[in-house]
Amino acid sequence: MTTKRTVFFISDGTGITAESLGHSLLSQFEGVEWIKQRIPFINTREKALEAIQRIEAVAERDGCCPIVFTTLVDEEISTLLEEAPALCLNFFKTFVAPIEAEINIKSNHTVGRTHGRTDSSDYKNRIEAINYTLAHDDGITDRDLSQADVILVGVSRCGKTPTSLYLAMQYGVKAANFPLIPEDFDRGMLPGTLKEHKAKLFGLTIQPERLAQIREERRPNSKYASLANCRAEVSDAEKMMRREGIHWLDSSTKSIEEISTTVLQEIRLDSKASF
């Protein structure tokens, strides 16, 4: 039987960090259905008390203690939350104290610092990257490709767009993407506009069966979505990428995070990425 447990992600900011780290830990436990609740912007005593009330209500409803992941910086608020009937795991308390001891420097305990750097160059880089990526999605334009950090290529619906946007949003990478289409395969060569930027190309492929399922949702009962057509396109695209010496990977069973990490490593963008 599947066990159901409630988990809270509580932060003085957006809660994204707590949720990301919490998900990584929870993924190690099979057979558990996690009922997730995010409570962001807990930066006052009053808000902390409201969060505690929610936790108490869930504990009473479920008959067991919820699990609470927090990135609360304010010591008073964090201590108050620990009085709730829950297993409270504060990432900052776990990791900041040992770092302070090692480098002999006290942290500034600034609330919301992780996601509050709206005037930083990293933030501006990400906004520019997102705008660039949206403008260069699916081969909309070949203008300013010289500004691209990476250009993803592959057949339609193999995961180019979500990967491009993730790279831009998370790492500030300007990612263009171009579909490889039957006309390219008939010519036996890459689109002309991509040749001079070959060093920036990275390919995505996908299992034909998975591609057919995805395309069927978009265009049911079409040649575009047929398994035979998908097999032909995938085969032709992989042959072209091999011939052109383009690094590529199969996106069928990989998450966007895994694909993006591989792209960063292969195109050697790790040092450029804005973490």
Protein backbone atom coordinates (compact mmCIF):
# COMPACT_ATOMS: atom_id res chain seq x y z
CA MET A 1 0.00 0.00 0.00
CA THR A 2 1.11 3.57 -0.72
CA THR A 3 1.75 5.68 2.34
CA LYS A 4 0.47 9.26 2.26
CA ARG A 5 2.40 11.96 4.10
CA THR A 6 2.11 15.73 4.02
CA VAL A 7 5.22 17.82 3.50
CA PHE A 8 5.54 21.59 3.85
CA PHE A 9 8.11 23.82 2.15
CA ILE A 10 8.39 27.01 4.19
CA SER A 11 10.58 29.99 3.42
CA ASP A 12 11.03 33.68 4.04
CA GLY A 13 11.31 34.00 0.24
CA THR A 14 9.69 32.15 -2.63
CA GLY A 15 10.22 28.67 -1.21
CA ILE A 16 11.82 27.45 -4.43
CA THR A 17 15.11 26.52 -2.75
CA ALA A 18 13.40 24.61 0.06
CA GLU A 19 11.19 22.80 -2.44
CA SER A 20 14.06 21.88 -4.76
CA LEU A 21 16.23 20.52 -1.96
CA GLY A 22 13.27 18.81 -0.34
CA HIS A 23 12.27 17.10 -3.56
CA SER A 24 15.78 15.71 -3.94
CA LEU A 25 15.54 14.10 -0.51
CA LEU A 26 11.97 12.85 -0.88
CA SER A 27 12.76 11.20 -4.22
CA GLN A 28 14.83 8.66 -2.28
CA PHE A 29 11.71 7.17 -0.70
CA GLU A 30 9.55 4.86 -2.81
CA GLY A 31 6.03 3.88 -1.92
CA VAL A 32 5.17 7.26 -0.43
CA GLU A 33 2.67 9.72 -1.89
CA TRP A 34 3.81 13.15 -0.79
CA ILE A 35 1.07 15.74 -0.35
CA LYS A 36 3.01 18.96 -0.86
CA GLN A 37 2.26 22.45 0.39
CA ARG A 38 4.47 25.49 -0.15
CA ILE A 39 4.21 28.45 2.25
CA PRO A 40 6.36 31.34 1.02
CA PHE A 41 7.24 34.75 2.49
CA ILE A 42 7.15 33.76 6.16
CA ASN A 43 9.10 36.80 7.36
CA THR A 44 7.15 37.90 10.47
CA ARG A 45 6.10 36.28 13.72
CA GLU A 46 2.44 36.64 12.74
CA LYS A 47 2.93 34.77 9.49
CA ALA A 48 4.90 32.06 11.29
CA LEU A 49 2.01 31.55 13.72
CA GLU A 50 -0.41 31.21 10.79
CA ALA A 51 1.88 28.60 9.23
CA ILE A 52 1.98 26.70 12.53
CA GLN A 53 -1.82 26.64 12.61
CA ARG A 54 -1.85 25.06 9.14
CA ILE A 55 0.68 22.47 10.26
CA GLU A 56 -1.32 21.68 13.41
CA ALA A 57 -4.50 21.23 11.36
CA VAL A 58 -2.76 18.81 9.00
CA ALA A 59 -1.20 16.87 11.89
CA GLU A 60 -4.63 16.46 13.48
CA ARG A 61 -6.22 15.47 10.16
CA ASP A 62 -3.53 12.95 9.19
CA GLY A 63 -2.92 11.55 12.63
CA CYS A 64 0.84 11.92 12.18
CA CYS A 65 3.45 14.64 12.04
CA PRO A 66 3.99 16.42 8.73
CA ILE A 67 7.52 16.93 7.46
CA VAL A 68 8.63 20.56 7.15
CA PHE A 69 11.53 21.73 5.02
CA THR A 70 12.54 25.33 5.65
CA THR A 71 15.13 27.85 4.53
CA LEU A 72 14.19 30.35 7.22
CA VAL A 73 17.08 32.64 8.15
CA ASP A 74 15.58 34.61 11.02
CA GLU A 75 16.46 32.67 14.16
CA GLU A 76 13.40 33.77 16.15
CA ILE A 77 10.97 32.75 13.42
CA SER A 78 12.82 29.50 12.80
CA THR A 79 12.79 28.60 16.50
CA LEU A 80 9.09 29.42 16.71
CA LEU A 81 8.31 27.12 13.79
CA GLU A 82 10.20 24.27 15.43
CA GLU A 83 7.49 24.21 18.12
CA ALA A 84 4.97 22.96 15.58
CA PRO A 85 3.98 19.27 15.71
CA ALA A 86 6.21 18.31 12.78
CA LEU A 87 9.62 17.08 11.78
CA CYS A 88 11.28 20.42 10.97
CA LEU A 89 14.40 20.37 8.80
CA ASN A 90 16.05 23.76 8.34
CA PHE A 91 18.58 23.67 5.50
CA PHE A 92 20.31 26.88 6.59
CA LYS A 93 20.84 25.66 10.15
CA THR A 94 22.15 22.36 8.82
CA PHE A 95 24.68 23.84 6.43
CA VAL A 96 25.44 27.44 7.42
CA ALA A 97 26.82 26.70 10.89
CA PRO A 98 29.47 24.21 9.67
CA ILE A 99 30.52 26.66 6.93
CA GLU A 100 30.81 29.47 9.48
CA ALA A 101 33.01 27.26 11.64
CA GLU A 102 35.21 26.23 8.72
CA ILE A 103 35.87 29.68 7.25
CA ASN A 104 35.64 31.52 10.59
CA ILE A 105 33.21 34.09 9.18
CA LYS A 106 29.67 34.67 10.36
CA SER A 107 26.94 34.65 7.72
CA ASN A 108 24.88 37.83 7.37
CA HIS A 109 21.55 35.98 7.89
CA THR A 110 19.90 38.20 5.30
CA VAL A 111 16.28 37.25 4.60
CA GLY A 112 15.42 36.43 0.99
CA ARG A 113 18.96 36.83 -0.27
CA THR A 114 18.89 33.80 -2.58
CA HIS A 115 16.13 35.09 -4.85
CA GLY A 116 16.16 38.78 -3.99
CA ARG A 117 19.06 39.99 -6.12
CA THR A 118 16.90 41.82 -8.64
CA ASP A 119 19.59 44.41 -9.34
CA SER A 120 22.40 41.90 -9.87
CA SER A 121 24.12 41.25 -13.18
CA ASP A 122 23.13 37.57 -12.91
CA TYR A 123 19.45 38.49 -12.79
CA LYS A 124 19.78 40.82 -15.78
CA ASN A 125 21.64 38.13 -17.70
CA ARG A 126 18.81 35.70 -17.12
CA ILE A 127 16.17 38.15 -18.30
CA GLU A 128 18.18 38.85 -21.44
CA ALA A 129 18.65 35.12 -22.00
CA ILE A 130 14.92 34.43 -21.63
CA ASN A 131 14.02 37.18 -24.11
CA TYR A 132 16.62 35.91 -26.57
CA THR A 133 15.47 32.29 -26.23
CA LEU A 134 11.80 33.16 -26.75
CA ALA A 135 12.72 35.16 -29.86
CA HIS A 136 14.75 32.24 -31.26
CA ASP A 137 12.37 29.38 -30.51
CA ASP A 138 11.67 26.73 -33.15
CA GLY A 139 13.66 28.48 -35.87
CA ILE A 140 11.51 31.63 -35.76
CA THR A 141 14.49 33.69 -36.88
CA ASP A 142 18.14 33.18 -37.75
CA ARG A 143 19.08 36.74 -36.81
CA ASP A 144 21.76 37.27 -34.15
CA LEU A 145 22.67 33.58 -33.94
CA SER A 146 26.21 34.73 -33.27
CA GLN A 147 24.95 35.80 -29.82
CA ALA A 148 23.65 32.32 -28.99
CA ASP A 149 25.52 30.29 -26.38
CA VAL A 150 24.01 27.07 -27.71
CA ILE A 151 21.71 26.08 -30.58
CA LEU A 152 19.62 22.94 -30.03
CA VAL A 153 18.63 20.90 -33.08
CA GLY A 154 16.40 17.87 -33.51
CA VAL A 155 13.09 16.71 -34.92
CA SER A 156 9.89 18.47 -33.95
CA ARG A 157 8.63 17.73 -30.39
CA CYS A 158 11.81 16.10 -29.06
CA GLY A 159 12.18 18.56 -26.16
CA LYS A 160 14.11 21.48 -27.64
CA THR A 161 11.83 24.28 -26.44
CA PRO A 162 11.49 23.30 -22.75
CA THR A 163 15.24 22.61 -22.56
CA SER A 164 16.05 25.98 -24.13
CA LEU A 165 13.80 27.82 -21.70
CA TYR A 166 15.18 25.94 -18.71
CA LEU A 167 18.74 26.83 -19.74
CA ALA A 168 17.76 30.48 -20.06
CA MET A 169 15.74 30.71 -16.85
CA GLN A 170 18.04 28.73 -14.59
CA TYR A 171 21.48 29.50 -16.00
CA GLY A 172 21.23 32.67 -18.06
CA VAL A 173 22.19 30.78 -21.23
CA LYS A 174 21.05 32.20 -24.56
CA ALA A 175 19.65 29.09 -26.21
CA ALA A 176 18.22 29.09 -29.72
CA ASN A 177 16.61 25.98 -31.21
CA PHE A 178 15.92 24.80 -34.74
CA PRO A 179 13.83 21.86 -35.93
CA LEU A 180 15.33 19.38 -38.38
CA ILE A 181 12.66 18.76 -41.01
CA PRO A 182 12.20 16.35 -43.96
CA GLU A 183 13.43 19.01 -46.41
CA ASP A 184 16.76 19.08 -44.57
CA PHE A 185 17.00 15.30 -44.81
CA ASP A 186 16.18 15.36 -48.54
CA ARG A 187 19.01 17.85 -49.11
CA GLY A 188 21.28 15.79 -46.91
CA MET A 189 22.63 18.80 -45.07
CA LEU A 190 21.96 21.17 -42.19
CA PRO A 191 20.02 24.39 -42.81
CA GLY A 192 22.47 26.86 -44.32
CA THR A 193 22.11 29.35 -41.49
CA LEU A 194 23.42 26.80 -38.99
CA LYS A 195 26.62 25.81 -40.76
CA GLU A 196 28.68 28.79 -39.61
CA HIS A 197 27.57 28.16 -36.01
CA LYS A 198 28.30 24.44 -36.02
CA ALA A 199 30.44 24.63 -32.89
CA LYS A 200 27.39 25.78 -30.92
CA LEU A 201 25.08 23.00 -32.06
CA PHE A 202 23.82 20.30 -29.73
CA GLY A 203 21.32 17.67 -30.84
CA LEU A 204 18.37 16.04 -29.14
CA THR A 205 16.81 12.82 -30.32
CA ILE A 206 13.97 10.69 -28.97
CA GLN A 207 12.60 7.17 -29.24
CA PRO A 208 10.15 7.02 -32.18
CA GLU A 209 7.44 5.40 -30.05
CA ARG A 210 7.61 8.20 -27.50
CA LEU A 211 7.68 10.83 -30.27
CA ALA A 212 4.56 9.32 -31.86
CA GLN A 213 2.71 9.54 -28.53
CA ILE A 214 3.63 13.20 -28.10
CA ARG A 215 2.73 14.14 -31.66
CA GLU A 216 -0.53 12.20 -31.52
CA GLU A 217 -1.69 14.52 -28.74
CA ARG A 218 -1.02 17.51 -30.97
CA ARG A 219 -2.21 16.18 -34.35
CA PRO A 220 -4.25 13.00 -33.90
CA ASN A 221 -4.34 10.47 -36.77
CA SER A 222 -1.92 12.48 -38.91
CA LYS A 223 1.07 11.40 -40.97
CA TYR A 224 3.09 13.76 -38.79
CA ALA A 225 2.25 11.62 -35.74
CA SER A 226 2.41 8.19 -37.37
CA LEU A 227 4.96 5.77 -35.97
CA ALA A 228 6.40 5.08 -39.43
CA ASN A 229 7.01 8.78 -40.05
CA CYS A 230 8.48 9.28 -36.58
CA ARG A 231 10.87 6.37 -37.11
CA ALA A 232 11.98 7.81 -40.46
CA GLU A 233 12.52 11.34 -39.11
CA VAL A 234 14.42 10.18 -36.02
CA SER A 235 16.62 7.90 -38.11
CA ASP A 236 17.38 10.64 -40.64
CA ALA A 237 18.09 13.20 -37.92
CA GLU A 238 20.50 10.89 -36.11
CA LYS A 239 22.31 10.08 -39.36
CA MET A 240 22.70 13.79 -40.08
CA MET A 241 23.99 14.55 -36.60
CA ARG A 242 26.53 11.72 -36.85
CA ARG A 243 27.66 12.89 -40.26
CA GLU A 244 28.03 16.49 -39.10
CA GLY A 245 29.81 15.51 -35.88
CA ILE A 246 27.13 17.04 -33.64
CA HIS A 247 27.01 15.84 -30.04
CA TRP A 248 23.53 14.63 -29.12
CA LEU A 249 21.56 12.67 -26.56
CA ASP A 250 18.28 10.79 -26.30
CA SER A 251 15.72 12.83 -24.34
CA SER A 252 13.15 10.02 -24.05
CA THR A 253 13.77 9.11 -20.42
CA LYS A 254 15.75 12.12 -19.20
CA SER A 255 14.48 15.08 -17.22
CA ILE A 256 14.97 18.64 -18.43
CA GLU A 257 17.47 19.10 -15.61
CA GLU A 258 19.54 16.13 -16.82
CA ILE A 259 19.43 17.26 -20.44
CA SER A 260 20.40 20.82 -19.53
CA THR A 261 23.31 19.68 -17.39
CA THR A 262 24.63 17.56 -20.24
CA VAL A 263 24.31 20.48 -22.66
CA LEU A 264 26.24 22.76 -20.28
CA GLN A 265 29.04 20.22 -20.02
CA GLU A 266 29.24 19.33 -23.70
CA ILE A 267 29.20 22.93 -24.96
CA ARG A 268 31.48 23.88 -22.03
CA LEU A 269 29.15 26.54 -20.66
CA ASP A 270 29.58 25.64 -16.98
CA SER A 271 31.73 28.67 -16.27
CA LYS A 272 29.37 30.99 -18.17
CA ALA A 273 26.15 29.82 -16.53
CA SER A 274 24.65 32.14 -13.90
CA PHE A 275 23.96 29.98 -10.84
